Amino acid sequence: MTDYIVRATAAQGQIRAFASTTRELVETARKAHNTSPVATAALGRLLTAGGMMGSMMKGDHDLLTIKIQGDGPIEGLTVTADSKGNVKGYAHNPMVILPANAQGKLDVGGALGVGVLSVIQDIGLKEPYVGQTILVTGEIAEDLTYYYATSEQTPSSVALGVLMNKDNTVRQAGGFMIQLMPGASEEVIENLEEKLKGLPSVTALLDEGMTPENMLKRLLGDLNLEITDRMETRFFCNCDKARVEKALISIGKKELQDMIDDRKPVEINCHFCNRNYTFSVAELEELIKKCAS
């Protein structure tokens, strides 16, 4: 099944909701970065959230970046997403190995530790919008719930999950976000809170064969749920050699000349997809000609 995101409303517009299935997306990221199981879970959760949050943006060129910086061994995560379901990201230390937490689950909170969550929305204005909160648990879903409550004053419930196979490939991944709109009635709020209390984990629901639509029906089916949109989501990096050339030109003549003087090819790595681009000395000599004097 292709990974996708659904968007929905319920309770006559008092609720908006998003749900996604992202197994292939997260598995692509795992292969690209050779992440350990706990790093796969951490990065996979944030990639899943990034896809849903990116789908909230309106413009074709809008860009969302989510950064987590923590004092745990994974050090941090960076994810970017656009409004079309394209997501990419990386873990700063992808090889982290940790014992399971007290619940016997992958210890994402322990891997991230104490730190800060930043959400940067570049929607074509002079300056991007930046919201920032502390990490509440480091488990990511709770941290984003807290972010929406404090930075955007939008009461939300965020659930994210990544389930691994015994061979460390991704078995299931996905999530949902439920948000209350201004003026939501007490009756609607209480109904939603009650449903959320008894809900199994996202990965348990996906492993039962539930689709994103099924998850939202289980939560919001008696509140006039209306699925408004469905879009594919994928791990996609837009890097290519031409972009890397521009980046090299931008560092200036002196630095390029230092590389040329070493008389060795230069290898440039893309953090987001882990692809390497090699430039020969002859190619560097061509690039230096394009530098502004």
C-alpha atoms as a PDB file:
ATOM      1  CA  MET A   1       0.000   0.000   0.000  1.00  0.00           C
ATOM      2  CA  THR A   2       1.318   3.432  -0.885  1.00  0.00           C
ATOM      3  CA  ASP A   3       1.910   5.744   2.071  1.00  0.00           C
ATOM      4  CA  TYR A   4      -0.637   8.515   2.331  1.00  0.00           C
ATOM      5  CA  ILE A   5      -2.172  11.212   4.519  1.00  0.00           C
ATOM      6  CA  VAL A   6      -5.883  11.910   4.916  1.00  0.00           C
ATOM      7  CA  ARG A   7      -7.306  15.234   6.061  1.00  0.00           C
ATOM      8  CA  ALA A   8     -10.727  15.503   7.641  1.00  0.00           C
ATOM      9  CA  THR A   9     -13.156  17.631   9.612  1.00  0.00           C
ATOM     10  CA  ALA A  10     -15.724  16.603  12.208  1.00  0.00           C
ATOM     11  CA  ALA A  11     -18.386  18.055  14.490  1.00  0.00           C
ATOM     12  CA  GLN A  12     -19.439  20.651  11.898  1.00  0.00           C
ATOM     13  CA  GLY A  13     -15.948  22.114  11.658  1.00  0.00           C
ATOM     14  CA  GLN A  14     -15.196  22.104  15.399  1.00  0.00           C
ATOM     15  CA  ILE A  15     -12.475  19.500  14.804  1.00  0.00           C
ATOM     16  CA  ARG A  16      -9.870  19.081  12.102  1.00  0.00           C
ATOM     17  CA  ALA A  17      -7.955  15.845  11.809  1.00  0.00           C
ATOM     18  CA  PHE A  18      -5.061  14.235   9.966  1.00  0.00           C
ATOM     19  CA  ALA A  19      -3.976  10.598   9.831  1.00  0.00           C
ATOM     20  CA  SER A  20      -1.264   8.810   7.888  1.00  0.00           C
ATOM     21  CA  THR A  21       0.422   5.523   7.171  1.00  0.00           C
ATOM     22  CA  THR A  22       4.165   5.858   6.529  1.00  0.00           C
ATOM     23  CA  ARG A  23       5.829   2.435   6.614  1.00  0.00           C
ATOM     24  CA  GLU A  24       7.554   2.777   3.235  1.00  0.00           C
ATOM     25  CA  LEU A  25       8.621   6.357   3.971  1.00  0.00           C
ATOM     26  CA  VAL A  26      10.242   5.369   7.277  1.00  0.00           C
ATOM     27  CA  GLU A  27      11.828   2.229   5.812  1.00  0.00           C
ATOM     28  CA  THR A  28      13.358   4.343   3.004  1.00  0.00           C
ATOM     29  CA  ALA A  29      14.840   6.664   5.637  1.00  0.00           C
ATOM     30  CA  ARG A  30      16.140   3.683   7.638  1.00  0.00           C
ATOM     31  CA  LYS A  31      17.919   2.279   4.582  1.00  0.00           C
ATOM     32  CA  ALA A  32      19.336   5.659   3.556  1.00  0.00           C
ATOM     33  CA  HIS A  33      20.806   6.394   6.975  1.00  0.00           C
ATOM     34  CA  ASN A  34      21.361   2.832   8.275  1.00  0.00           C
ATOM     35  CA  THR A  35      19.657   3.869  11.506  1.00  0.00           C
ATOM     36  CA  SER A  36      19.585   1.737  14.645  1.00  0.00           C
ATOM     37  CA  PRO A  37      16.113   0.612  15.833  1.00  0.00           C
ATOM     38  CA  VAL A  38      15.722   3.443  18.377  1.00  0.00           C
ATOM     39  CA  ALA A  39      16.962   6.029  15.852  1.00  0.00           C
ATOM     40  CA  THR A  40      14.557   4.594  13.246  1.00  0.00           C
ATOM     41  CA  ALA A  41      11.682   4.975  15.712  1.00  0.00           C
ATOM     42  CA  ALA A  42      12.655   8.546  16.641  1.00  0.00           C
ATOM     43  CA  LEU A  43      13.255   9.715  13.077  1.00  0.00           C
ATOM     44  CA  GLY A  44      10.218   7.806  11.784  1.00  0.00           C
ATOM     45  CA  ARG A  45       7.910   9.485  14.282  1.00  0.00           C
ATOM     46  CA  LEU A  46       9.182  12.945  13.366  1.00  0.00           C
ATOM     47  CA  LEU A  47       9.019  12.219   9.612  1.00  0.00           C
ATOM     48  CA  THR A  48       5.410  11.064  10.039  1.00  0.00           C
ATOM     49  CA  ALA A  49       4.528  14.218  11.981  1.00  0.00           C
ATOM     50  CA  GLY A  50       6.363  16.365   9.429  1.00  0.00           C
ATOM     51  CA  GLY A  51       4.273  14.956   6.592  1.00  0.00           C
ATOM     52  CA  MET A  52       0.988  15.743   8.353  1.00  0.00           C
ATOM     53  CA  MET A  53       2.134  19.190   9.504  1.00  0.00           C
ATOM     54  CA  GLY A  54       3.444  19.997   6.026  1.00  0.00           C
ATOM     55  CA  SER A  55       0.062  19.094   4.538  1.00  0.00           C
ATOM     56  CA  MET A  56      -1.455  21.954   6.571  1.00  0.00           C
ATOM     57  CA  MET A  57       0.498  24.504   4.532  1.00  0.00           C
ATOM     58  CA  LYS A  58      -1.154  26.112   1.532  1.00  0.00           C
ATOM     59  CA  GLY A  59       1.558  27.318  -0.883  1.00  0.00           C
ATOM     60  CA  ASP A  60       3.451  25.167  -3.389  1.00  0.00           C
ATOM     61  CA  HIS A  61       6.780  26.573  -2.149  1.00  0.00           C
ATOM     62  CA  ASP A  62       5.985  26.592   1.582  1.00  0.00           C
ATOM     63  CA  LEU A  63       8.482  24.650   3.672  1.00  0.00           C
ATOM     64  CA  LEU A  64       8.272  23.294   7.203  1.00  0.00           C
ATOM     65  CA  THR A  65      11.320  22.346   9.268  1.00  0.00           C
ATOM     66  CA  ILE A  66      11.136  20.570  12.623  1.00  0.00           C
ATOM     67  CA  LYS A  67      14.296  20.396  14.727  1.00  0.00           C
ATOM     68  CA  ILE A  68      14.835  18.580  17.988  1.00  0.00           C
ATOM     69  CA  GLN A  69      18.022  19.212  19.937  1.00  0.00           C
ATOM     70  CA  GLY A  70      18.570  17.125  23.048  1.00  0.00           C
ATOM     71  CA  ASP A  71      21.284  16.101  25.483  1.00  0.00           C
ATOM     72  CA  GLY A  72      20.652  12.386  24.857  1.00  0.00           C
ATOM     73  CA  PRO A  73      22.943  10.164  22.762  1.00  0.00           C
ATOM     74  CA  ILE A  74      21.016  10.718  19.502  1.00  0.00           C
ATOM     75  CA  GLU A  75      21.816  14.467  19.929  1.00  0.00           C
ATOM     76  CA  GLY A  76      19.046  15.649  17.623  1.00  0.00           C
ATOM     77  CA  LEU A  77      16.728  15.174  14.661  1.00  0.00           C
ATOM     78  CA  THR A  78      15.999  17.409  11.670  1.00  0.00           C
ATOM     79  CA  VAL A  79      13.026  16.950   9.325  1.00  0.00           C
ATOM     80  CA  THR A  80      11.723  19.125   6.506  1.00  0.00           C
ATOM     81  CA  ALA A  81       8.430  18.762   4.647  1.00  0.00           C
ATOM     82  CA  ASP A  82       6.546  20.569   1.917  1.00  0.00           C
ATOM     83  CA  SER A  83       2.812  20.926   1.262  1.00  0.00           C
ATOM     84  CA  LYS A  84       2.770  18.029  -1.232  1.00  0.00           C
ATOM     85  CA  GLY A  85       3.669  15.148   1.111  1.00  0.00           C
ATOM     86  CA  ASN A  86       7.430  15.168   0.427  1.00  0.00           C
ATOM     87  CA  VAL A  87       9.442  14.631   3.615  1.00  0.00           C
ATOM     88  CA  LYS A  88      13.140  14.158   4.361  1.00  0.00           C
ATOM     89  CA  GLY A  89      15.219  14.108   7.510  1.00  0.00           C
ATOM     90  CA  TYR A  90      18.093  12.682   9.494  1.00  0.00           C
ATOM     91  CA  ALA A  91      19.225  11.772  12.993  1.00  0.00           C
ATOM     92  CA  HIS A  92      22.393  13.508  14.146  1.00  0.00           C
ATOM     93  CA  ASN A  93      23.711  10.231  15.588  1.00  0.00           C
ATOM     94  CA  PRO A  94      21.919   7.449  13.665  1.00  0.00           C
ATOM     95  CA  MET A  95      23.774   4.507  15.253  1.00  0.00           C
ATOM     96  CA  VAL A  96      22.533   4.936  18.852  1.00  0.00           C
ATOM     97  CA  ILE A  97      21.889   1.678  20.703  1.00  0.00           C
ATOM     98  CA  LEU A  98      19.896   1.808  23.947  1.00  0.00           C
ATOM     99  CA  PRO A  99      18.195  -0.814  26.129  1.00  0.00           C
ATOM    100  CA  ALA A 100      14.380  -0.870  26.086  1.00  0.00           C
ATOM    101  CA  ASN A 101      12.539   1.490  28.418  1.00  0.00           C
ATOM    102  CA  ALA A 102      10.488   0.414  31.464  1.00  0.00           C
ATOM    103  CA  GLN A 103       7.544  -0.498  29.205  1.00  0.00           C
ATOM    104  CA  GLY A 104       9.778  -2.746  27.076  1.00  0.00           C
ATOM    105  CA  LYS A 105       9.581  -0.311  24.146  1.00  0.00           C
ATOM    106  CA  LEU A 106      12.273   1.478  22.141  1.00  0.00           C
ATOM    107  CA  ASP A 107      13.514   4.284  24.386  1.00  0.00           C
ATOM    108  CA  VAL A 108      13.054   7.315  22.119  1.00  0.00           C
ATOM    109  CA  GLY A 109      12.736   9.630  25.131  1.00  0.00           C
ATOM    110  CA  GLY A 110      16.028   8.369  26.546  1.00  0.00           C
ATOM    111  CA  ALA A 111      17.724   8.736  23.169  1.00  0.00           C
ATOM    112  CA  LEU A 112      16.683  12.402  22.881  1.00  0.00           C
ATOM    113  CA  GLY A 113      16.954  13.401  26.534  1.00  0.00           C
ATOM    114  CA  VAL A 114      16.264  16.942  27.718  1.00  0.00           C
ATOM    115  CA  GLY A 115      16.108  19.577  25.016  1.00  0.00           C
ATOM    116  CA  VAL A 116      14.193  21.867  22.706  1.00  0.00           C
ATOM    117  CA  LEU A 117      11.698  21.389  19.873  1.00  0.00           C
ATOM    118  CA  SER A 118      11.670  24.064  17.142  1.00  0.00           C
ATOM    119  CA  VAL A 119       9.147  24.398  14.306  1.00  0.00           C
ATOM    120  CA  ILE A 120      10.111  26.731  11.454  1.00  0.00           C
ATOM    121  CA  GLN A 121       7.492  27.596   8.832  1.00  0.00           C
ATOM    122  CA  ASP A 122       8.761  29.335   5.707  1.00  0.00           C
ATOM    123  CA  ILE A 123       5.610  30.487   3.927  1.00  0.00           C
ATOM    124  CA  GLY A 124       7.119  33.156   1.667  1.00  0.00           C
ATOM    125  CA  LEU A 125       7.090  36.045   4.130  1.00  0.00           C
ATOM    126  CA  LYS A 126      10.150  38.175   4.820  1.00  0.00           C
ATOM    127  CA  GLU A 127      10.982  36.114   7.899  1.00  0.00           C
ATOM    128  CA  PRO A 128       9.960  32.511   8.636  1.00  0.00           C
ATOM    129  CA  TYR A 129       7.679  31.853  11.615  1.00  0.00           C
ATOM    130  CA  VAL A 130       9.583  30.087  14.408  1.00  0.00           C
ATOM    131  CA  GLY A 131       7.907  28.391  17.369  1.00  0.00           C
ATOM    132  CA  GLN A 132       9.882  26.733  20.139  1.00  0.00           C
ATOM    133  CA  THR A 133       9.110  24.667  23.236  1.00  0.00           C
ATOM    134  CA  ILE A 134      10.942  22.404  25.637  1.00  0.00           C
ATOM    135  CA  LEU A 135      10.824  18.637  25.180  1.00  0.00           C
ATOM    136  CA  VAL A 136       8.229  17.388  27.649  1.00  0.00           C
ATOM    137  CA  THR A 137       8.941  13.654  27.354  1.00  0.00           C
ATOM    138  CA  GLY A 138      11.195  13.293  24.294  1.00  0.00           C
ATOM    139  CA  GLU A 139       8.690  10.776  22.898  1.00  0.00           C
ATOM    140  CA  ILE A 140       7.837  13.325  20.136  1.00  0.00           C
ATOM    141  CA  ALA A 141       4.028  12.936  19.995  1.00  0.00           C
ATOM    142  CA  GLU A 142       3.598  14.425  23.484  1.00  0.00           C
ATOM    143  CA  ASP A 143       6.146  17.117  22.666  1.00  0.00           C
ATOM    144  CA  LEU A 144       4.209  18.172  19.563  1.00  0.00           C
ATOM    145  CA  THR A 145       0.940  18.135  21.551  1.00  0.00           C
ATOM    146  CA  TYR A 146       2.606  20.532  24.006  1.00  0.00           C
ATOM    147  CA  TYR A 147       4.010  22.647  21.151  1.00  0.00           C
ATOM    148  CA  TYR A 148       0.559  23.144  19.623  1.00  0.00           C
ATOM    149  CA  ALA A 149      -0.967  24.043  22.994  1.00  0.00           C
ATOM    150  CA  THR A 150       1.706  26.586  23.942  1.00  0.00           C
ATOM    151  CA  SER A 151       3.082  28.013  20.691  1.00  0.00           C
ATOM    152  CA  GLU A 152      -0.013  27.941  18.495  1.00  0.00           C
ATOM    153  CA  GLN A 153      -2.750  27.895  21.159  1.00  0.00           C
ATOM    154  CA  THR A 154      -4.401  24.963  19.358  1.00  0.00           C
ATOM    155  CA  PRO A 155      -5.512  22.144  21.695  1.00  0.00           C
ATOM    156  CA  SER A 156      -4.360  18.981  19.930  1.00  0.00           C
ATOM    157  CA  SER A 157      -3.840  15.276  20.377  1.00  0.00           C
ATOM    158  CA  VAL A 158      -0.863  13.847  18.483  1.00  0.00           C
ATOM    159  CA  ALA A 159      -0.168  10.099  18.244  1.00  0.00           C
ATOM    160  CA  LEU A 160       2.815   8.665  16.376  1.00  0.00           C
ATOM    161  CA  GLY A 161       4.278   5.190  16.152  1.00  0.00           C
ATOM    162  CA  VAL A 162       6.940   3.042  14.509  1.00  0.00           C
ATOM    163  CA  LEU A 163       6.935  -0.736  14.969  1.00  0.00           C
ATOM    164  CA  MET A 164      10.030  -2.738  14.023  1.00  0.00           C
ATOM    165  CA  ASN A 165      10.387  -6.298  12.762  1.00  0.00           C
ATOM    166  CA  LYS A 166      12.888  -8.650  14.383  1.00  0.00           C
ATOM    167  CA  ASP A 167      15.290  -8.041  11.475  1.00  0.00           C
ATOM    168  CA  ASN A 168      15.135  -4.284  12.277  1.00  0.00           C
ATOM    169  CA  THR A 169      13.133  -3.385   9.160  1.00  0.00           C
ATOM    170  CA  VAL A 170      10.010  -1.256   9.628  1.00  0.00           C
ATOM    171  CA  ARG A 171       6.809  -3.261  10.187  1.00  0.00           C
ATOM    172  CA  GLN A 172       4.361  -0.380  10.676  1.00  0.00           C
ATOM    173  CA  ALA A 173       4.537   3.403  10.925  1.00  0.00           C
ATOM    174  CA  GLY A 174       1.957   6.146  11.023  1.00  0.00           C
ATOM    175  CA  GLY A 175       0.099   8.596  13.184  1.00  0.00           C
ATOM    176  CA  PHE A 176      -2.781  10.986  13.645  1.00  0.00           C
ATOM    177  CA  MET A 177      -3.331  14.575  14.777  1.00  0.00           C
ATOM    178  CA  ILE A 178      -6.691  15.788  16.107  1.00  0.00           C
ATOM    179  CA  GLN A 179      -7.111  19.535  16.653  1.00  0.00           C
ATOM    180  CA  LEU A 180      -9.919  21.499  18.291  1.00  0.00           C
ATOM    181  CA  MET A 181     -10.943  24.643  16.486  1.00  0.00           C
ATOM    182  CA  PRO A 182     -11.813  27.852  18.373  1.00  0.00           C
ATOM    183  CA  GLY A 183     -15.290  27.633  19.872  1.00  0.00           C
ATOM    184  CA  ALA A 184     -15.424  23.830  20.133  1.00  0.00           C
ATOM    185  CA  SER A 185     -18.222  22.868  22.535  1.00  0.00           C
ATOM    186  CA  GLU A 186     -17.681  21.148  25.889  1.00  0.00           C
ATOM    187  CA  GLU A 187     -19.757  18.218  24.638  1.00  0.00           C
ATOM    188  CA  VAL A 188     -17.447  17.684  21.644  1.00  0.00           C
ATOM    189  CA  ILE A 189     -14.328  18.038  23.814  1.00  0.00           C
ATOM    190  CA  GLU A 190     -15.597  15.493  26.371  1.00  0.00           C
ATOM    191  CA  ASN A 191     -16.602  13.055  23.626  1.00  0.00           C
ATOM    192  CA  LEU A 192     -13.139  13.256  22.072  1.00  0.00           C
ATOM    193  CA  GLU A 193     -11.307  12.927  25.400  1.00  0.00           C
ATOM    194  CA  GLU A 194     -13.307   9.789  26.210  1.00  0.00           C
ATOM    195  CA  LYS A 195     -12.485   8.206  22.826  1.00  0.00           C
ATOM    196  CA  LEU A 196      -8.779   8.985  23.149  1.00  0.00           C
ATOM    197  CA  LYS A 197      -8.591   7.398  26.616  1.00  0.00           C
ATOM    198  CA  GLY A 198      -9.412   3.899  25.395  1.00  0.00           C
ATOM    199  CA  LEU A 199      -7.559   4.000  22.089  1.00  0.00           C
ATOM    200  CA  PRO A 200      -4.772   1.434  21.467  1.00  0.00           C
ATOM    201  CA  SER A 201      -1.428   2.624  20.088  1.00  0.00           C
ATOM    202  CA  VAL A 202      -1.183   3.758  16.468  1.00  0.00           C
ATOM    203  CA  THR A 203       1.048   0.818  15.571  1.00  0.00           C
ATOM    204  CA  ALA A 204      -1.403  -1.654  17.173  1.00  0.00           C
ATOM    205  CA  LEU A 205      -4.208  -0.159  15.066  1.00  0.00           C
ATOM    206  CA  LEU A 206      -2.118  -0.303  11.887  1.00  0.00           C
ATOM    207  CA  ASP A 207      -1.030  -3.866  12.680  1.00  0.00           C
ATOM    208  CA  GLU A 208      -4.718  -4.827  12.922  1.00  0.00           C
ATOM    209  CA  GLY A 209      -5.016  -3.674   9.315  1.00  0.00           C
ATOM    210  CA  MET A 210      -6.546  -0.277  10.016  1.00  0.00           C
ATOM    211  CA  THR A 211      -6.146   2.461   7.410  1.00  0.00           C
ATOM    212  CA  PRO A 212      -5.802   6.174   8.269  1.00  0.00           C
ATOM    213  CA  GLU A 213      -9.511   6.512   7.405  1.00  0.00           C
ATOM    214  CA  ASN A 214     -10.383   3.678   9.814  1.00  0.00           C
ATOM    215  CA  MET A 215      -8.420   5.334  12.631  1.00  0.00           C
ATOM    216  CA  LEU A 216     -10.303   8.603  12.183  1.00  0.00           C
ATOM    217  CA  LYS A 217     -13.644   6.752  11.951  1.00  0.00           C
ATOM    218  CA  ARG A 218     -12.893   5.029  15.248  1.00  0.00           C
ATOM    219  CA  LEU A 219     -12.210   8.402  16.896  1.00  0.00           C
ATOM    220  CA  LEU A 220     -14.638  10.698  15.116  1.00  0.00           C
ATOM    221  CA  GLY A 221     -17.167   8.471  13.347  1.00  0.00           C
ATOM    222  CA  ASP A 222     -20.072   9.626  15.536  1.00  0.00           C
ATOM    223  CA  LEU A 223     -19.149  13.302  15.099  1.00  0.00           C
ATOM    224  CA  ASN A 224     -20.076  13.641  11.410  1.00  0.00           C
ATOM    225  CA  LEU A 225     -16.581  12.834  10.174  1.00  0.00           C
ATOM    226  CA  GLU A 226     -15.897  14.093   6.663  1.00  0.00           C
ATOM    227  CA  ILE A 227     -12.721  13.015   4.846  1.00  0.00           C
ATOM    228  CA  THR A 228     -11.795  16.066   2.772  1.00  0.00           C
ATOM    229  CA  ASP A 229      -8.537  15.046   1.098  1.00  0.00           C
ATOM    230  CA  ARG A 230      -6.089  12.202   0.547  1.00  0.00           C
ATOM    231  CA  MET A 231      -2.495  12.736  -0.591  1.00  0.00           C
ATOM    232  CA  GLU A 232       0.520  10.493  -1.036  1.00  0.00           C
ATOM    233  CA  THR A 233       3.492  11.013   1.257  1.00  0.00           C
ATOM    234  CA  ARG A 234       7.045   9.864   0.591  1.00  0.00           C
ATOM    235  CA  PHE A 235      10.684  10.247   1.627  1.00  0.00           C
ATOM    236  CA  PHE A 236      12.051  12.576  -1.029  1.00  0.00           C
ATOM    237  CA  CYS A 237      15.253  14.615  -1.172  1.00  0.00           C
ATOM    238  CA  ASN A 238      15.617  17.228  -3.907  1.00  0.00           C
ATOM    239  CA  CYS A 239      19.408  17.290  -3.808  1.00  0.00           C
ATOM    240  CA  ASP A 240      21.355  16.764  -7.054  1.00  0.00           C
ATOM    241  CA  LYS A 241      24.831  17.543  -8.344  1.00  0.00           C
ATOM    242  CA  ALA A 242      23.754  20.927  -9.744  1.00  0.00           C
ATOM    243  CA  ARG A 243      22.499  22.034  -6.295  1.00  0.00           C
ATOM    244  CA  VAL A 244      25.726  20.880  -4.661  1.00  0.00           C
ATOM    245  CA  GLU A 245      27.706  22.809  -7.308  1.00  0.00           C
ATOM    246  CA  LYS A 246      25.834  25.987  -6.360  1.00  0.00           C
ATOM    247  CA  ALA A 247      26.624  25.343  -2.699  1.00  0.00           C
ATOM    248  CA  LEU A 248      30.316  24.915  -3.502  1.00  0.00           C
ATOM    249  CA  ILE A 249      30.378  28.103  -5.566  1.00  0.00           C
ATOM    250  CA  SER A 250      28.745  29.973  -2.689  1.00  0.00           C
ATOM    251  CA  ILE A 251      31.598  29.171  -0.259  1.00  0.00           C
ATOM    252  CA  GLY A 252      33.913  31.445  -2.266  1.00  0.00           C
ATOM    253  CA  LYS A 253      37.133  31.370  -4.240  1.00  0.00           C
ATOM    254  CA  LYS A 254      39.543  30.995  -1.341  1.00  0.00           C
ATOM    255  CA  GLU A 255      37.950  27.814   0.030  1.00  0.00           C
ATOM    256  CA  LEU A 256      37.595  26.322  -3.451  1.00  0.00           C
ATOM    257  CA  GLN A 257      41.220  27.132  -4.224  1.00  0.00           C
ATOM    258  CA  ASP A 258      42.288  25.370  -1.006  1.00  0.00           C
ATOM    259  CA  MET A 259      40.431  22.261  -2.211  1.00  0.00           C
ATOM    260  CA  ILE A 260      42.078  22.479  -5.640  1.00  0.00           C
ATOM    261  CA  ASP A 261      45.523  22.894  -4.072  1.00  0.00           C
ATOM    262  CA  ASP A 262      45.046  19.580  -2.243  1.00  0.00           C
ATOM    263  CA  ARG A 263      44.928  17.929  -5.718  1.00  0.00           C
ATOM    264  CA  LYS A 264      42.391  15.368  -4.492  1.00  0.00           C
ATOM    265  CA  PRO A 265      38.732  14.798  -5.410  1.00  0.00           C
ATOM    266  CA  VAL A 266      36.254  16.258  -2.914  1.00  0.00           C
ATOM    267  CA  GLU A 267      33.267  14.261  -1.640  1.00  0.00           C
ATOM    268  CA  ILE A 268      30.194  16.170  -0.441  1.00  0.00           C
ATOM    269  CA  ASN A 269      27.528  14.385   1.610  1.00  0.00           C
ATOM    270  CA  CYS A 270      23.839  15.335   1.747  1.00  0.00           C
ATOM    271  CA  HIS A 271      22.727  15.063   5.393  1.00  0.00           C
ATOM    272  CA  PHE A 272      19.095  14.523   4.432  1.00  0.00           C
ATOM    273  CA  CYS A 273      19.408  11.489   2.149  1.00  0.00           C
ATOM    274  CA  ASN A 274      23.044  10.452   2.784  1.00  0.00           C
ATOM    275  CA  ARG A 275      23.963  10.580  -0.926  1.00  0.00           C
ATOM    276  CA  ASN A 276      27.554  11.483  -1.776  1.00  0.00           C
ATOM    277  CA  TYR A 277      28.633  13.722  -4.648  1.00  0.00           C
ATOM    278  CA  THR A 278      32.243  13.589  -5.836  1.00  0.00           C
ATOM    279  CA  PHE A 279      33.971  16.487  -7.598  1.00  0.00           C
ATOM    280  CA  SER A 280      37.285  15.962  -9.392  1.00  0.00           C
ATOM    281  CA  VAL A 281      40.012  18.607  -9.311  1.00  0.00           C
ATOM    282  CA  ALA A 282      39.114  19.490 -12.919  1.00  0.00           C
ATOM    283  CA  GLU A 283      35.461  20.032 -11.910  1.00  0.00           C
ATOM    284  CA  LEU A 284      36.513  22.232  -9.004  1.00  0.00           C
ATOM    285  CA  GLU A 285      38.657  24.281 -11.400  1.00  0.00           C
ATOM    286  CA  GLU A 286      35.569  24.823 -13.586  1.00  0.00           C
ATOM    287  CA  LEU A 287      33.514  25.859 -10.551  1.00  0.00           C
ATOM    288  CA  ILE A 288      36.059  28.434  -9.384  1.00  0.00           C
ATOM    289  CA  LYS A 289      35.645  30.225 -12.718  1.00  0.00           C
ATOM    290  CA  LYS A 290      31.979  30.770 -11.829  1.00  0.00           C
ATOM    291  CA  CYS A 291      32.773  32.383  -8.476  1.00  0.00           C
ATOM    292  CA  ALA A 292      32.240  36.107  -8.099  1.00  0.00           C
ATOM    293  CA  SER A 293      35.578  37.845  -7.962  1.00  0.00           C
END
